[in-house]
């Protein structure tokens, strides 16, 4: 069953959710851990996980920026501690 953070990613950016699931499988890490890291990195300005229309728009912009970086090959790796990721 998907966590709240995973459901947000699946709803807002299915391709990102698939990439994070693949990474979790490769690293044998729980999907929830990878999703939580991604949400903490990309959605820092969204104060809660119950997104308002404005919060959803900000989240979509952050996820689309991540997608552009990932396609361009400039995305930071989602490994290590959160201090390394920020």
PDB file of N, CA and C in Angstrom:
ATOM      1  N   UNK A   1       0.846  -1.179   0.000  1.00  0.00           N
ATOM      2  CA  UNK A   1       0.000   0.000   0.000  1.00  0.00           C
ATOM      3  C   UNK A   1       0.892   1.242   0.000  1.00  0.00           C
ATOM      4  N   UNK A   2       0.526   2.203  -0.778  1.00  0.00           N
ATOM      5  CA  UNK A   2       1.313   3.429  -0.921  1.00  0.00           C
ATOM      6  C   UNK A   2       1.102   4.351   0.279  1.00  0.00           C
ATOM      7  N   UNK A   3       2.177   5.001   0.681  1.00  0.00           N
ATOM      8  CA  UNK A   3       2.084   5.993   1.748  1.00  0.00           C
ATOM      9  C   UNK A   3       1.490   7.277   1.178  1.00  0.00           C
ATOM     10  N   UNK A   4       1.177   8.217   2.056  1.00  0.00           N
ATOM     11  CA  UNK A   4       0.629   9.500   1.607  1.00  0.00           C
ATOM     12  C   UNK A   4       1.586  10.186   0.648  1.00  0.00           C
ATOM     13  N   UNK A   5       2.872  10.177   0.963  1.00  0.00           N
ATOM     14  CA  UNK A   5       3.853  10.840   0.102  1.00  0.00           C
ATOM     15  C   UNK A   5       3.939  10.147  -1.253  1.00  0.00           C
ATOM     16  N   UNK A   6       3.867   8.822  -1.255  1.00  0.00           N
ATOM     17  CA  UNK A   6       3.879   8.107  -2.528  1.00  0.00           C
ATOM     18  C   UNK A   6       2.631   8.427  -3.341  1.00  0.00           C
ATOM     19  N   UNK A   7       1.477   8.496  -2.688  1.00  0.00           N
ATOM     20  CA  UNK A   7       0.237   8.808  -3.410  1.00  0.00           C
ATOM     21  C   UNK A   7       0.308  10.191  -4.040  1.00  0.00           C
ATOM     22  N   UNK A   8       0.906  11.147  -3.329  1.00  0.00           N
ATOM     23  CA  UNK A   8       1.072  12.488  -3.899  1.00  0.00           C
ATOM     24  C   UNK A   8       1.913  12.409  -5.162  1.00  0.00           C
ATOM     25  N   UNK A   9       3.017  11.683  -5.107  1.00  0.00           N
ATOM     26  CA  UNK A   9       3.890  11.567  -6.279  1.00  0.00           C
ATOM     27  C   UNK A   9       3.197  10.844  -7.420  1.00  0.00           C
ATOM     28  N   UNK A  10       2.466   9.781  -7.109  1.00  0.00           N
ATOM     29  CA  UNK A  10       1.764   9.027  -8.148  1.00  0.00           C
ATOM     30  C   UNK A  10       0.734   9.912  -8.825  1.00  0.00           C
ATOM     31  N   UNK A  11       0.037  10.728  -8.045  1.00  0.00           N
ATOM     32  CA  UNK A  11      -0.999  11.603  -8.591  1.00  0.00           C
ATOM     33  C   UNK A  11      -0.409  12.750  -9.401  1.00  0.00           C
ATOM     34  N   UNK A  12       0.605  13.411  -8.858  1.00  0.00           N
ATOM     35  CA  UNK A  12       1.138  14.610  -9.501  1.00  0.00           C
ATOM     36  C   UNK A  12       2.155  14.307 -10.590  1.00  0.00           C
ATOM     37  N   UNK A  13       2.906  13.228 -10.447  1.00  0.00           N
ATOM     38  CA  UNK A  13       3.980  12.937 -11.410  1.00  0.00           C
ATOM     39  C   UNK A  13       4.214  11.429 -11.481  1.00  0.00           C
ATOM     40  N   UNK A  14       3.396  10.734 -12.255  1.00  0.00           N
ATOM     41  CA  UNK A  14       3.531   9.276 -12.329  1.00  0.00           C
ATOM     42  C   UNK A  14       4.916   8.805 -12.768  1.00  0.00           C
ATOM     43  N   UNK A  15       5.544   9.506 -13.694  1.00  0.00           N
ATOM     44  CA  UNK A  15       6.866   9.060 -14.158  1.00  0.00           C
ATOM     45  C   UNK A  15       7.909   9.196 -13.051  1.00  0.00           C
ATOM     46  N   UNK A  16       7.788  10.234 -12.230  1.00  0.00           N
ATOM     47  CA  UNK A  16       8.699  10.387 -11.093  1.00  0.00           C
ATOM     48  C   UNK A  16       8.474   9.259 -10.093  1.00  0.00           C
ATOM     49  N   UNK A  17       7.222   8.942  -9.830  1.00  0.00           N
ATOM     50  CA  UNK A  17       6.914   7.854  -8.899  1.00  0.00           C
ATOM     51  C   UNK A  17       7.500   6.539  -9.400  1.00  0.00           C
ATOM     52  N   UNK A  18       7.390   6.276 -10.706  1.00  0.00           N
ATOM     53  CA  UNK A  18       7.968   5.049 -11.270  1.00  0.00           C
ATOM     54  C   UNK A  18       9.481   5.035 -11.098  1.00  0.00           C
ATOM     55  N   UNK A  19      10.129   6.171 -11.347  1.00  0.00           N
ATOM     56  CA  UNK A  19      11.589   6.247 -11.205  1.00  0.00           C
ATOM     57  C   UNK A  19      12.007   6.007  -9.754  1.00  0.00           C
ATOM     58  N   UNK A  20      11.255   6.559  -8.814  1.00  0.00           N
ATOM     59  CA  UNK A  20      11.584   6.362  -7.402  1.00  0.00           C
ATOM     60  C   UNK A  20      11.357   4.917  -6.971  1.00  0.00           C
ATOM     61  N   UNK A  21      10.286   4.278  -7.487  1.00  0.00           N
ATOM     62  CA  UNK A  21      10.058   2.863  -7.177  1.00  0.00           C
ATOM     63  C   UNK A  21      11.188   2.002  -7.725  1.00  0.00           C
ATOM     64  N   UNK A  22      11.643   2.312  -8.949  1.00  0.00           N
ATOM     65  CA  UNK A  22      12.747   1.555  -9.547  1.00  0.00           C
ATOM     66  C   UNK A  22      14.020   1.724  -8.719  1.00  0.00           C
ATOM     67  N   UNK A  23      14.270   2.936  -8.263  1.00  0.00           N
ATOM     68  CA  UNK A  23      15.465   3.193  -7.441  1.00  0.00           C
ATOM     69  C   UNK A  23      15.380   2.420  -6.124  1.00  0.00           C
ATOM     70  N   UNK A  24      14.211   2.424  -5.505  1.00  0.00           N
ATOM     71  CA  UNK A  24      14.032   1.692  -4.249  1.00  0.00           C
ATOM     72  C   UNK A  24      14.285   0.201  -4.459  1.00  0.00           C
ATOM     73  N   UNK A  25      13.815  -0.324  -5.576  1.00  0.00           N
ATOM     74  CA  UNK A  25      14.022  -1.743  -5.869  1.00  0.00           C
ATOM     75  C   UNK A  25      15.503  -2.042  -6.084  1.00  0.00           C
ATOM     76  N   UNK A  26      16.187  -1.183  -6.855  1.00  0.00           N
ATOM     77  CA  UNK A  26      17.623  -1.375  -7.107  1.00  0.00           C
ATOM     78  C   UNK A  26      18.422  -1.351  -5.816  1.00  0.00           C
ATOM     79  N   UNK A  27      18.094  -0.400  -4.947  1.00  0.00           N
ATOM     80  CA  UNK A  27      18.853  -0.218  -3.700  1.00  0.00           C
ATOM     81  C   UNK A  27      18.329  -1.078  -2.559  1.00  0.00           C
ATOM     82  N   UNK A  28      17.247  -1.814  -2.812  1.00  0.00           N
ATOM     83  CA  UNK A  28      16.595  -2.625  -1.788  1.00  0.00           C
ATOM     84  C   UNK A  28      16.289  -1.782  -0.554  1.00  0.00           C
ATOM     85  N   UNK A  29      15.713  -0.624  -0.817  1.00  0.00           N
ATOM     86  CA  UNK A  29      15.314   0.331   0.212  1.00  0.00           C
ATOM     87  C   UNK A  29      13.792   0.435   0.173  1.00  0.00           C
ATOM     88  N   UNK A  30      13.137   0.596   1.318  1.00  0.00           N
ATOM     89  CA  UNK A  30      11.681   0.762   1.286  1.00  0.00           C
ATOM     90  C   UNK A  30      11.266   1.952   0.408  1.00  0.00           C
ATOM     91  N   UNK A  31      10.208   1.753  -0.389  1.00  0.00           N
ATOM     92  CA  UNK A  31       9.702   2.828  -1.258  1.00  0.00           C
ATOM     93  C   UNK A  31       9.363   4.067  -0.451  1.00  0.00           C
ATOM     94  N   UNK A  32       8.804   3.871   0.727  1.00  0.00           N
ATOM     95  CA  UNK A  32       8.410   5.016   1.551  1.00  0.00           C
ATOM     96  C   UNK A  32       9.613   5.874   1.923  1.00  0.00           C
ATOM     97  N   UNK A  33      10.756   5.252   2.139  1.00  0.00           N
ATOM     98  CA  UNK A  33      11.968   6.005   2.487  1.00  0.00           C
ATOM     99  C   UNK A  33      12.403   6.882   1.326  1.00  0.00           C
ATOM    100  N   UNK A  34      12.445   6.315   0.131  1.00  0.00           N
ATOM    101  CA  UNK A  34      12.846   7.069  -1.057  1.00  0.00           C
ATOM    102  C   UNK A  34      11.841   8.185  -1.334  1.00  0.00           C
ATOM    103  N   UNK A  35      10.540   7.888  -1.235  1.00  0.00           N
ATOM    104  CA  UNK A  35       9.514   8.907  -1.470  1.00  0.00           C
ATOM    105  C   UNK A  35       9.624  10.033  -0.451  1.00  0.00           C
ATOM    106  N   UNK A  36       9.867   9.688   0.808  1.00  0.00           N
ATOM    107  CA  UNK A  36       9.996  10.717   1.845  1.00  0.00           C
ATOM    108  C   UNK A  36      11.197  11.609   1.579  1.00  0.00           C
ATOM    109  N   UNK A  37      12.318  11.018   1.160  1.00  0.00           N
ATOM    110  CA  UNK A  37      13.496  11.821   0.834  1.00  0.00           C
ATOM    111  C   UNK A  37      13.187  12.776  -0.310  1.00  0.00           C
ATOM    112  N   UNK A  38      12.531  12.272  -1.346  1.00  0.00           N
ATOM    113  CA  UNK A  38      12.206  13.110  -2.495  1.00  0.00           C
ATOM    114  C   UNK A  38      11.297  14.260  -2.085  1.00  0.00           C
ATOM    115  N   UNK A  39      10.261  13.953  -1.325  1.00  0.00           N
ATOM    116  CA  UNK A  39       9.317  14.991  -0.902  1.00  0.00           C
ATOM    117  C   UNK A  39      10.024  16.036  -0.052  1.00  0.00           C
ATOM    118  N   UNK A  40      10.893  15.598   0.857  1.00  0.00           N
ATOM    119  CA  UNK A  40      11.599  16.556   1.710  1.00  0.00           C
ATOM    120  C   UNK A  40      12.530  17.448   0.906  1.00  0.00           C
ATOM    121  N   UNK A  41      13.130  16.919  -0.144  1.00  0.00           N
ATOM    122  CA  UNK A  41      14.050  17.708  -0.962  1.00  0.00           C
ATOM    123  C   UNK A  41      13.300  18.670  -1.875  1.00  0.00           C
ATOM    124  N   UNK A  42      12.324  18.147  -2.606  1.00  0.00           N
ATOM    125  CA  UNK A  42      11.683  18.933  -3.668  1.00  0.00           C
ATOM    126  C   UNK A  42      10.502  19.765  -3.198  1.00  0.00           C
ATOM    127  N   UNK A  43       9.884  19.376  -2.111  1.00  0.00           N
ATOM    128  CA  UNK A  43       8.653  20.052  -1.704  1.00  0.00           C
ATOM    129  C   UNK A  43       8.794  20.719  -0.345  1.00  0.00           C
ATOM    130  N   UNK A  44       9.961  21.275  -0.071  1.00  0.00           N
ATOM    131  CA  UNK A  44      10.208  21.897   1.231  1.00  0.00           C
ATOM    132  C   UNK A  44       9.259  23.051   1.524  1.00  0.00           C
ATOM    133  N   UNK A  45       8.779  23.732   0.477  1.00  0.00           N
ATOM    134  CA  UNK A  45       7.912  24.886   0.714  1.00  0.00           C
ATOM    135  C   UNK A  45       6.452  24.500   0.905  1.00  0.00           C
ATOM    136  N   UNK A  46       6.129  23.215   0.808  1.00  0.00           N
ATOM    137  CA  UNK A  46       4.760  22.766   1.042  1.00  0.00           C
ATOM    138  C   UNK A  46       4.679  22.341   2.509  1.00  0.00           C
ATOM    139  N   UNK A  47       4.011  23.139   3.348  1.00  0.00           N
ATOM    140  CA  UNK A  47       4.065  22.898   4.789  1.00  0.00           C
ATOM    141  C   UNK A  47       3.393  21.606   5.244  1.00  0.00           C
ATOM    142  N   UNK A  48       2.356  21.166   4.567  1.00  0.00           N
ATOM    143  CA  UNK A  48       1.684  19.927   4.951  1.00  0.00           C
ATOM    144  C   UNK A  48       1.436  19.101   3.702  1.00  0.00           C
ATOM    145  N   UNK A  49       1.069  17.862   3.905  1.00  0.00           N
ATOM    146  CA  UNK A  49       0.814  16.984   2.769  1.00  0.00           C
ATOM    147  C   UNK A  49      -0.621  17.065   2.281  1.00  0.00           C
ATOM    148  N   UNK A  50      -1.470  17.863   2.924  1.00  0.00           N
ATOM    149  CA  UNK A  50      -2.801  18.117   2.400  1.00  0.00           C
ATOM    150  C   UNK A  50      -2.685  19.376   1.561  1.00  0.00           C
ATOM    151  N   UNK A  51      -2.571  19.204   0.276  1.00  0.00           N
ATOM    152  CA  UNK A  51      -2.227  20.311  -0.607  1.00  0.00           C
ATOM    153  C   UNK A  51      -3.434  21.163  -0.956  1.00  0.00           C
ATOM    154  N   UNK A  52      -3.294  22.459  -0.789  1.00  0.00           N
ATOM    155  CA  UNK A  52      -4.284  23.406  -1.282  1.00  0.00           C
ATOM    156  C   UNK A  52      -4.045  23.562  -2.778  1.00  0.00           C
ATOM    157  N   UNK A  53      -4.946  24.235  -3.515  1.00  0.00           N
ATOM    158  CA  UNK A  53      -4.676  24.455  -4.944  1.00  0.00           C
ATOM    159  C   UNK A  53      -3.349  25.166  -5.185  1.00  0.00           C
ATOM    160  N   UNK A  54      -3.016  26.151  -4.342  1.00  0.00           N
ATOM    161  CA  UNK A  54      -1.740  26.851  -4.497  1.00  0.00           C
ATOM    162  C   UNK A  54      -0.570  25.929  -4.157  1.00  0.00           C
ATOM    163  N   UNK A  55      -0.718  25.162  -3.094  1.00  0.00           N
ATOM    164  CA  UNK A  55       0.327  24.212  -2.713  1.00  0.00           C
ATOM    165  C   UNK A  55       0.527  23.146  -3.771  1.00  0.00           C
ATOM    166  N   UNK A  56      -0.561  22.699  -4.376  1.00  0.00           N
ATOM    167  CA  UNK A  56      -0.459  21.703  -5.444  1.00  0.00           C
ATOM    168  C   UNK A  56       0.283  22.275  -6.643  1.00  0.00           C
ATOM    169  N   UNK A  57       0.011  23.536  -6.969  1.00  0.00           N
ATOM    170  CA  UNK A  57       0.715  24.176  -8.091  1.00  0.00           C
ATOM    171  C   UNK A  57       2.209  24.270  -7.799  1.00  0.00           C
ATOM    172  N   UNK A  58       2.573  24.638  -6.565  1.00  0.00           N
ATOM    173  CA  UNK A  58       3.997  24.697  -6.192  1.00  0.00           C
ATOM    174  C   UNK A  58       4.633  23.314  -6.257  1.00  0.00           C
ATOM    175  N   UNK A  59       3.903  22.318  -5.785  1.00  0.00           N
ATOM    176  CA  UNK A  59       4.425  20.949  -5.823  1.00  0.00           C
ATOM    177  C   UNK A  59       4.640  20.492  -7.258  1.00  0.00           C
ATOM    178  N   UNK A  60       3.683  20.787  -8.129  1.00  0.00           N
ATOM    179  CA  UNK A  60       3.833  20.414  -9.540  1.00  0.00           C
ATOM    180  C   UNK A  60       5.045  21.085 -10.161  1.00  0.00           C
ATOM    181  N   UNK A  61       5.250  22.364  -9.863  1.00  0.00           N
ATOM    182  CA  UNK A  61       6.432  23.060 -10.404  1.00  0.00           C
ATOM    183  C   UNK A  61       7.718  22.408  -9.911  1.00  0.00           C
ATOM    184  N   UNK A  62       7.766  22.064  -8.629  1.00  0.00           N
ATOM    185  CA  UNK A  62       8.969  21.434  -8.076  1.00  0.00           C
ATOM    186  C   UNK A  62       9.219  20.075  -8.712  1.00  0.00           C
ATOM    187  N   UNK A  63       8.159  19.299  -8.888  1.00  0.00           N
ATOM    188  CA  UNK A  63       8.316  17.975  -9.488  1.00  0.00           C
ATOM    189  C   UNK A  63       8.711  18.092 -10.953  1.00  0.00           C
ATOM    190  N   UNK A  64       8.118  19.027 -11.671  1.00  0.00           N
ATOM    191  CA  UNK A  64       8.501  19.211 -13.083  1.00  0.00           C
ATOM    192  C   UNK A  64       9.952  19.656 -13.211  1.00  0.00           C
ATOM    193  N   UNK A  65      10.415  20.499 -12.287  1.00  0.00           N
ATOM    194  CA  UNK A  65      11.829  20.899 -12.298  1.00  0.00           C
ATOM    195  C   UNK A  65      12.710  19.681 -12.064  1.00  0.00           C
ATOM    196  N   UNK A  66      12.303  18.816 -11.138  1.00  0.00           N
ATOM    197  CA  UNK A  66      13.045  17.576 -10.896  1.00  0.00           C
ATOM    198  C   UNK A  66      13.078  16.727 -12.165  1.00  0.00           C
ATOM    199  N   UNK A  67      11.920  16.596 -12.828  1.00  0.00           N
ATOM    200  CA  UNK A  67      11.848  15.794 -14.056  1.00  0.00           C
ATOM    201  C   UNK A  67      12.785  16.352 -15.123  1.00  0.00           C
ATOM    202  N   UNK A  68      12.819  17.673 -15.279  1.00  0.00           N
ATOM    203  CA  UNK A  68      13.729  18.276 -16.273  1.00  0.00           C
ATOM    204  C   UNK A  68      15.180  17.961 -15.934  1.00  0.00           C
ATOM    205  N   UNK A  69      15.539  18.097 -14.656  1.00  0.00           N
ATOM    206  CA  UNK A  69      16.910  17.792 -14.234  1.00  0.00           C
ATOM    207  C   UNK A  69      17.236  16.317 -14.469  1.00  0.00           C
ATOM    208  N   UNK A  70      16.269  15.451 -14.171  1.00  0.00           N
ATOM    209  CA  UNK A  70      16.507  14.013 -14.339  1.00  0.00           C
ATOM    210  C   UNK A  70      16.739  13.680 -15.809  1.00  0.00           C
ATOM    211  N   UNK A  71      15.926  14.245 -16.691  1.00  0.00           N
ATOM    212  CA  UNK A  71      16.086  13.995 -18.131  1.00  0.00           C
ATOM    213  C   UNK A  71      17.398  14.558 -18.648  1.00  0.00           C
ATOM    214  N   UNK A  72      17.831  15.678 -18.086  1.00  0.00           N
ATOM    215  CA  UNK A  72      19.079  16.305 -18.530  1.00  0.00           C
ATOM    216  C   UNK A  72      20.306  15.628 -17.916  1.00  0.00           C
ATOM    217  N   UNK A  73      20.084  14.738 -16.967  1.00  0.00           N
ATOM    218  CA  UNK A  73      21.202  14.044 -16.337  1.00  0.00           C
ATOM    219  C   UNK A  73      21.911  14.856 -15.275  1.00  0.00           C
ATOM    220  N   UNK A  74      21.268  15.917 -14.783  1.00  0.00           N
ATOM    221  CA  UNK A  74      21.910  16.764 -13.777  1.00  0.00           C
ATOM    222  C   UNK A  74      21.288  16.602 -12.394  1.00  0.00           C
ATOM    223  N   UNK A  75      20.440  15.600 -12.216  1.00  0.00           N
ATOM    224  CA  UNK A  75      19.747  15.439 -10.938  1.00  0.00           C
ATOM    225  C   UNK A  75      20.691  14.890  -9.875  1.00  0.00           C
ATOM    226  N   UNK A  76      20.512  15.393  -8.668  1.00  0.00           N
ATOM    227  CA  UNK A  76      21.276  14.864  -7.537  1.00  0.00           C
ATOM    228  C   UNK A  76      20.789  13.456  -7.227  1.00  0.00           C
ATOM    229  N   UNK A  77      21.680  12.623  -6.817  1.00  0.00           N
ATOM    230  CA  UNK A  77      21.315  11.255  -6.459  1.00  0.00           C
ATOM    231  C   UNK A  77      20.531  11.260  -5.153  1.00  0.00           C
ATOM    232  N   UNK A  78      19.536  10.402  -5.074  1.00  0.00           N
ATOM    233  CA  UNK A  78      18.710  10.304  -3.873  1.00  0.00           C
ATOM    234  C   UNK A  78      19.276   9.229  -2.949  1.00  0.00           C
ATOM    235  N   UNK A  79      20.516   9.409  -2.533  1.00  0.00           N
ATOM    236  CA  UNK A  79      21.145   8.478  -1.602  1.00  0.00           C
ATOM    237  C   UNK A  79      21.807   9.277  -0.496  1.00  0.00           C
ATOM    238  N   UNK A  80      22.220   8.599   0.537  1.00  0.00           N
ATOM    239  CA  UNK A  80      22.909   9.274   1.628  1.00  0.00           C
ATOM    240  C   UNK A  80      21.942   9.964   2.564  1.00  0.00           C
ATOM    241  N   UNK A  81      22.497  10.745   3.454  1.00  0.00           N
ATOM    242  CA  UNK A  81      21.667  11.437   4.437  1.00  0.00           C
ATOM    243  C   UNK A  81      20.995  12.653   3.804  1.00  0.00           C
ATOM    244  N   UNK A  82      19.989  13.154   4.461  1.00  0.00           N
ATOM    245  CA  UNK A  82      19.292  14.329   3.933  1.00  0.00           C
ATOM    246  C   UNK A  82      20.213  15.533   3.875  1.00  0.00           C
ATOM    247  N   UNK A  83      21.197  15.593   4.756  1.00  0.00           N
ATOM    248  CA  UNK A  83      22.148  16.706   4.710  1.00  0.00           C
ATOM    249  C   UNK A  83      22.930  16.679   3.402  1.00  0.00           C
ATOM    250  N   UNK A  84      23.245  15.488   2.921  1.00  0.00           N
ATOM    251  CA  UNK A  84      23.954  15.365   1.648  1.00  0.00           C
ATOM    252  C   UNK A  84      23.059  15.738   0.473  1.00  0.00           C
ATOM    253  N   UNK A  85      21.759  15.556   0.641  1.00  0.00           N
ATOM    254  CA  UNK A  85      20.826  15.756  -0.463  1.00  0.00           C
ATOM    255  C   UNK A  85      20.397  17.203  -0.622  1.00  0.00           C
ATOM    256  N   UNK A  86      20.417  17.953   0.464  1.00  0.00           N
ATOM    257  CA  UNK A  86      19.891  19.325   0.426  1.00  0.00           C
ATOM    258  C   UNK A  86      20.788  20.252  -0.354  1.00  0.00           C
TER     259      UNK A  86
END
